[in-house]
Each structure stands twice: as C-alpha cells, then as structure tokens.
Amino acid sequence: MHKLSLPYREQKPRATGLNLLIDNGYPLAYFKDVVESSIEQIDFIKFGWGTSIVTPQLKKKIEFLQSHKIDYFFGGTLFEIFLYQNKIEDYKKFLDEHQCRFVEVSNGTIDISNQEKCKYITDFAKKYQVFSEVGLKDSEKSEEMSPKKWIEYIKEDLAAGAIKVITESRESGTSGICRSNGELRIGLIEEIMDSEISLSDLIFEAPNKKLQTHFIKKLGTNCNLANIAFSDIISLETLRLGLRSDTFFLFDNH
C-alpha cells in the first residue's frame, strides 16, 4: 500500500501545531476513552467552566493525564474568580494541590486593565508556565476593542512572561476574535498576522469547524488552536492534514 504525501506535522512534544482541548465536565470513562484514543493529537487539556471546583472526578482525570504525559490547566475565568475574591494565594495553593505546571491568566470578565493583568502574569511566571488570554467575554465590549489594542495587549503579555497568548472566542465562538453572530473578525486577524508578533506565540480559540478551517487555511497545518471539543480532535487532525474537502487543495506542494 502506497503512503500518502501529507503536510509536515510537528510531533509531540511540540511548540507549534498545538491542540488544546476543553473539558467541560465530561464523565470519567468518556474522558479516558478520548484521551487514550487520541493521545498523539492532544497537547493540553483545559478544565473549563469552573468544573474543576464541582467535578468529583478531577483527581482521577489529572492522574490519568499525568500517566499519559499530557499537561493540563484551569480556565482563565477561575483565576478571575479567585482574584475578584482577593484569594490569589489560595489559587496558588489550589494549583499546587493539583500539581499544575501551567496556569491561564485572563481579564475577560473582571474589569482590570491589561497592565494589572500583566503584573499577575509576571508573578505567576516565577513558578508556572503562563498562558495569558486577550479578549473580552462580553461580545459588545469586545467588538469595541480595536486591532491596535489587541496587538498592544498581546505584546504586553508576552513581555510580562506569558509563554503563549490565547485569543478569546469563548467556547461558543461568539466573542473576542468573533462577532456575536459567530463571524470571525477577519480584519482583526489580518492585522495581528501583519504585526511583528510571531504566530508561534499565539493560540487561537477555534471551537468549531468553520474557525478551525479558516486558521488552517490562513496559517498552515501547524497553527496553535484551543477550545477544541473532545468530539472534534480527530476531525481537526484530518483538517490539518488536508484529508477533508475543506482543506483538500491547500497542500498540493507537500
């Protein structure tokens, strides 16, 4: 049987072509099945929606990820809740209790400046690997945020110590880099791409096929994507490799 000629795909452990899956409280058996069957495609698991506070299976999930050498972190909103309640030291204890090496720092919900957020990035970066997030949860406020501000904030976060910056779109794809109707803010993305920011430093939230396809077409096979649903991880990989009609002709020269 002849092997197909496929685009070059970075292998794990990798710094580009990252897949960040979001766990919104899946049952343990399903969680294990997906991770074990797609282990080569999964780089990180984010425990989203504050589910890490209420799920009874968190410890077992973390132990399973550790046994498969897959890193994990908690969603940025959980950081914001601890910050809002003036309990940052408690949050650090929570991270250490769960042996987290990575943390997400954001200001998508609470009203703090990016400069103040950067102080927390620098503080957490002393001990943890920091993913920062730029963008607002509120879609109306988000659309008022100019591309110039996005670029400014991304640069500030990287300078403060973030290893990667995540661009907000929510798990619904209706805020941040997207409009409230789900349409991607293409002009915003183009300006970010045209800036001197390295695309390897960015992770684009792409919770649906439309967004995933757009970024793969624009940025190539090894773009970094986040908020990937557990059910989408294999189909996303086929998009990356040009095995679907959506990306079929992208890699003719490979």
Protein backbone atom coordinates (compact mmCIF):
# COMPACT_ATOMS: atom_id res chain seq x y z
CA MET A 1 0.00 0.00 0.00
CA HIS A 2 1.41 3.38 -1.01
CA LYS A 3 1.77 6.03 1.68
CA LEU A 4 0.03 9.35 1.16
CA SER A 5 2.11 12.51 0.89
CA LEU A 6 0.85 14.64 3.76
CA PRO A 7 1.87 18.05 5.12
CA TYR A 8 4.64 18.06 7.70
CA ARG A 9 3.11 17.83 11.17
CA GLU A 10 5.10 18.75 14.25
CA GLN A 11 5.41 15.78 16.60
CA LYS A 12 4.97 15.85 20.36
CA PRO A 13 6.33 17.44 22.42
CA ARG A 14 5.85 20.47 20.18
CA ALA A 15 5.73 24.23 20.42
CA THR A 16 3.57 24.72 17.31
CA GLY A 17 0.60 22.85 15.97
CA LEU A 18 -0.80 22.65 19.50
CA ASN A 19 -4.24 21.24 20.20
CA LEU A 20 -5.79 22.49 23.45
CA LEU A 21 -8.94 20.55 24.31
CA ILE A 22 -11.58 21.86 26.68
CA ASP A 23 -13.16 19.55 29.25
CA ASN A 24 -16.48 20.93 30.41
CA GLY A 25 -17.11 18.17 32.95
CA TYR A 26 -17.20 15.03 30.82
CA PRO A 27 -17.78 11.68 32.55
CA LEU A 28 -14.56 9.95 33.52
CA ALA A 29 -14.95 6.97 31.19
CA TYR A 30 -15.58 9.18 28.16
CA PHE A 31 -12.68 11.45 29.16
CA LYS A 32 -10.31 8.49 29.35
CA ASP A 33 -11.55 6.97 26.09
CA VAL A 34 -10.97 10.17 24.11
CA VAL A 35 -7.57 10.92 25.62
CA GLU A 36 -6.28 7.38 25.20
CA SER A 37 -7.52 7.02 21.61
CA SER A 38 -6.22 10.45 20.52
CA ILE A 39 -3.11 10.79 22.64
CA GLU A 40 -0.82 11.82 19.76
CA GLN A 41 -3.15 14.68 18.84
CA ILE A 42 -3.68 16.12 22.33
CA ASP A 43 -1.19 18.61 23.77
CA PHE A 44 -3.17 20.15 26.65
CA ILE A 45 -6.46 19.73 28.43
CA LYS A 46 -8.16 22.81 29.85
CA PHE A 47 -10.65 22.17 32.63
CA GLY A 48 -13.16 24.83 31.64
CA TRP A 49 -16.26 26.49 33.05
CA GLY A 50 -15.05 26.17 36.66
CA THR A 51 -15.84 22.45 36.50
CA SER A 52 -12.65 21.76 38.45
CA ILE A 53 -14.46 23.09 41.52
CA VAL A 54 -17.51 20.82 41.24
CA THR A 55 -16.45 17.65 39.40
CA PRO A 56 -15.90 14.68 41.74
CA GLN A 57 -13.54 13.02 39.24
CA LEU A 58 -10.95 15.78 38.85
CA LYS A 59 -8.20 13.95 40.76
CA LYS A 60 -8.68 10.78 38.72
CA LYS A 61 -8.64 12.76 35.47
CA ILE A 62 -5.42 14.51 36.44
CA GLU A 63 -3.76 11.24 37.46
CA PHE A 64 -4.76 9.79 34.09
CA LEU A 65 -3.30 12.75 32.20
CA GLN A 66 -0.10 12.57 34.20
CA SER A 67 0.26 8.88 33.40
CA HIS A 68 0.00 9.76 29.69
CA LYS A 69 2.29 12.80 29.98
CA ILE A 70 -0.36 15.30 28.91
CA ASP A 71 -0.34 18.70 30.61
CA TYR A 72 -3.44 20.49 31.85
CA PHE A 73 -4.58 23.80 33.29
CA PHE A 74 -7.69 25.52 34.59
CA GLY A 75 -9.68 28.07 32.62
CA GLY A 76 -8.87 31.76 32.98
CA THR A 77 -12.25 32.62 34.48
CA LEU A 78 -11.40 30.53 37.53
CA PHE A 79 -8.31 32.69 38.02
CA GLU A 80 -10.53 35.75 37.72
CA ILE A 81 -12.95 34.46 40.37
CA PHE A 82 -10.13 33.91 42.85
CA LEU A 83 -8.75 37.36 42.01
CA TYR A 84 -12.16 39.02 42.38
CA GLN A 85 -12.46 37.49 45.86
CA ASN A 86 -8.91 38.57 46.79
CA LYS A 87 -7.80 34.95 47.12
CA ILE A 88 -4.84 34.72 44.74
CA GLU A 89 -2.69 32.93 47.32
CA ASP A 90 -5.47 30.38 47.72
CA TYR A 91 -5.50 29.92 43.96
CA LYS A 92 -1.78 29.18 44.00
CA LYS A 93 -2.41 26.58 46.70
CA PHE A 94 -5.18 25.12 44.51
CA LEU A 95 -2.74 24.89 41.58
CA ASP A 96 -0.09 23.24 43.72
CA GLU A 97 -2.59 20.85 45.25
CA HIS A 98 -3.34 19.62 41.72
CA GLN A 99 0.32 19.67 40.64
CA CYS A 100 -0.32 22.20 37.86
CA ARG A 101 2.68 23.35 35.85
CA PHE A 102 0.58 25.67 33.67
CA VAL A 103 -1.83 28.48 34.51
CA GLU A 104 -4.09 30.71 32.44
CA VAL A 105 -4.27 34.40 33.37
CA SER A 106 -7.04 36.49 31.84
CA ASN A 107 -9.23 39.56 32.34
CA GLY A 108 -12.12 38.66 30.07
CA THR A 109 -14.78 39.07 32.74
CA ILE A 110 -13.47 41.26 35.57
CA ASP A 111 -12.72 44.91 34.99
CA ILE A 112 -8.97 45.19 35.40
CA SER A 113 -6.53 46.81 32.98
CA ASN A 114 -4.15 44.79 30.85
CA GLN A 115 -1.27 46.38 32.77
CA GLU A 116 -2.67 44.99 36.02
CA LYS A 117 -3.18 41.60 34.41
CA CYS A 118 0.47 41.68 33.36
CA LYS A 119 1.53 42.06 36.99
CA TYR A 120 -0.15 38.73 37.70
CA ILE A 121 1.44 37.18 34.63
CA THR A 122 4.88 38.19 35.91
CA ASP A 123 4.08 36.94 39.40
CA PHE A 124 2.79 33.53 38.26
CA ALA A 125 5.62 33.16 35.73
CA LYS A 126 8.08 32.87 38.64
CA LYS A 127 6.75 29.37 39.30
CA TYR A 128 4.38 28.35 36.49
CA GLN A 129 4.24 28.36 32.71
CA VAL A 130 1.70 31.08 31.89
CA PHE A 131 -0.85 31.13 29.12
CA SER A 132 -2.38 34.60 29.01
CA GLU A 133 -5.61 35.42 27.26
CA VAL A 134 -6.52 38.60 25.40
CA GLY A 135 -10.13 39.45 24.61
CA LEU A 136 -13.39 40.03 26.46
CA LYS A 137 -16.27 37.67 27.17
CA ASP A 138 -18.84 40.42 26.56
CA SER A 139 -19.34 40.46 22.78
CA GLU A 140 -20.40 44.13 22.58
CA LYS A 141 -17.42 45.38 24.56
CA SER A 142 -15.17 43.02 22.65
CA GLU A 143 -16.17 44.45 19.27
CA GLU A 144 -15.22 47.91 20.54
CA MET A 145 -11.66 46.74 21.18
CA SER A 146 -9.55 47.86 18.24
CA PRO A 147 -6.91 45.70 16.50
CA LYS A 148 -4.31 48.19 17.75
CA LYS A 149 -5.30 47.41 21.34
CA TRP A 150 -5.26 43.66 20.69
CA ILE A 151 -1.72 43.86 19.34
CA GLU A 152 -0.63 46.12 22.20
CA TYR A 153 -2.05 43.76 24.82
CA ILE A 154 -0.55 40.64 23.20
CA LYS A 155 2.89 42.26 23.19
CA GLU A 156 2.49 43.36 26.81
CA ASP A 157 1.52 39.85 27.91
CA LEU A 158 4.50 38.25 26.16
CA ALA A 159 6.85 40.84 27.64
CA ALA A 160 5.41 40.17 31.10
CA GLY A 161 6.31 36.49 30.87
CA ALA A 162 3.50 34.64 29.09
CA ILE A 163 4.80 31.71 27.03
CA LYS A 164 1.77 31.90 24.70
CA VAL A 165 -1.16 34.27 24.30
CA ILE A 166 -4.62 32.84 23.69
CA THR A 167 -7.04 34.92 21.62
CA GLU A 168 -10.53 34.81 23.10
CA SER A 169 -13.53 33.49 21.19
CA ARG A 170 -15.32 31.62 24.01
CA GLU A 171 -16.42 28.00 23.62
CA SER A 172 -19.34 29.27 21.52
CA GLY A 173 -17.25 31.30 19.06
CA THR A 174 -19.30 34.46 19.70
CA SER A 175 -16.90 36.95 21.27
CA GLY A 176 -13.30 38.14 21.17
CA ILE A 177 -11.95 37.37 17.70
CA CYS A 178 -15.53 36.59 16.64
CA ARG A 179 -18.59 38.76 16.39
CA SER A 180 -21.72 37.95 18.39
CA ASN A 181 -23.19 36.22 15.30
CA GLY A 182 -20.21 33.85 15.11
CA GLU A 183 -18.48 35.57 12.19
CA LEU A 184 -14.72 35.80 12.50
CA ARG A 185 -13.29 39.33 12.72
CA ILE A 186 -11.12 38.79 9.67
CA GLY A 187 -9.71 42.33 9.67
CA LEU A 188 -8.56 41.89 13.26
CA ILE A 189 -6.85 38.58 12.47
CA GLU A 190 -5.16 40.07 9.41
CA GLU A 191 -3.73 42.94 11.46
CA ILE A 192 -2.44 40.57 14.13
CA MET A 193 -0.84 38.43 11.42
CA ASP A 194 0.73 41.51 9.81
CA SER A 195 2.23 42.68 13.11
CA GLU A 196 5.68 41.59 14.23
CA ILE A 197 4.14 39.11 16.70
CA SER A 198 5.33 35.58 15.99
CA LEU A 199 2.40 33.31 15.16
CA SER A 200 4.10 30.57 17.18
CA ASP A 201 3.45 32.73 20.27
CA LEU A 202 -0.30 32.78 19.61
CA ILE A 203 -3.04 30.25 20.27
CA PHE A 204 -6.34 30.91 18.51
CA GLU A 205 -9.52 29.68 20.12
CA ALA A 206 -11.36 27.76 17.41
CA PRO A 207 -14.26 25.82 18.91
CA ASN A 208 -15.91 24.89 15.62
CA LYS A 209 -15.03 23.56 12.17
CA LYS A 210 -15.53 26.91 10.45
CA LEU A 211 -12.92 28.63 12.62
CA GLN A 212 -10.55 25.67 12.54
CA THR A 213 -10.67 25.58 8.74
CA HIS A 214 -10.07 29.32 8.46
CA PHE A 215 -6.96 29.28 10.63
CA ILE A 216 -5.50 26.22 8.94
CA LYS A 217 -6.02 27.82 5.54
CA LYS A 218 -4.50 31.12 6.69
CA LEU A 219 -1.73 29.92 8.98
CA GLY A 220 -1.00 26.39 7.84
CA THR A 221 -1.00 22.92 9.30
CA ASN A 222 0.90 23.78 12.46
CA CYS A 223 -1.11 26.69 13.83
CA ASN A 224 -1.98 26.58 17.54
CA LEU A 225 -5.68 26.04 18.27
CA ALA A 226 -7.67 25.96 21.51
CA ASN A 227 -11.14 25.28 22.91
CA ILE A 228 -11.31 22.12 20.82
CA ALA A 229 -14.22 19.88 21.76
CA PHE A 230 -13.37 16.31 22.71
CA SER A 231 -15.53 15.07 19.85
CA ASP A 232 -13.58 17.18 17.31
CA ILE A 233 -9.98 16.17 17.93
CA ILE A 234 -9.69 13.54 15.18
CA SER A 235 -11.70 15.55 12.65
CA LEU A 236 -9.45 18.55 13.38
CA GLU A 237 -6.38 16.46 12.63
CA THR A 238 -7.84 15.45 9.28
CA LEU A 239 -8.34 19.16 8.51
CA ARG A 240 -4.71 19.84 9.41
CA LEU A 241 -3.55 17.09 7.07
CA GLY A 242 -5.71 18.08 4.08
CA LEU A 243 -7.75 14.88 4.24
CA ARG A 244 -11.09 16.68 4.01
CA SER A 245 -12.67 18.68 1.22
CA ASP A 246 -12.35 21.87 3.28
CA THR A 247 -8.53 21.80 3.14
CA PHE A 248 -8.07 19.37 0.25
CA PHE A 249 -6.06 21.61 -2.09
CA LEU A 250 -4.01 23.50 0.49
CA PHE A 251 -1.04 21.21 0.45
CA ASP A 252 -0.52 20.39 -3.22
CA ASN A 253 3.17 21.20 -2.93
CA HIS A 254 3.84 18.86 0.01
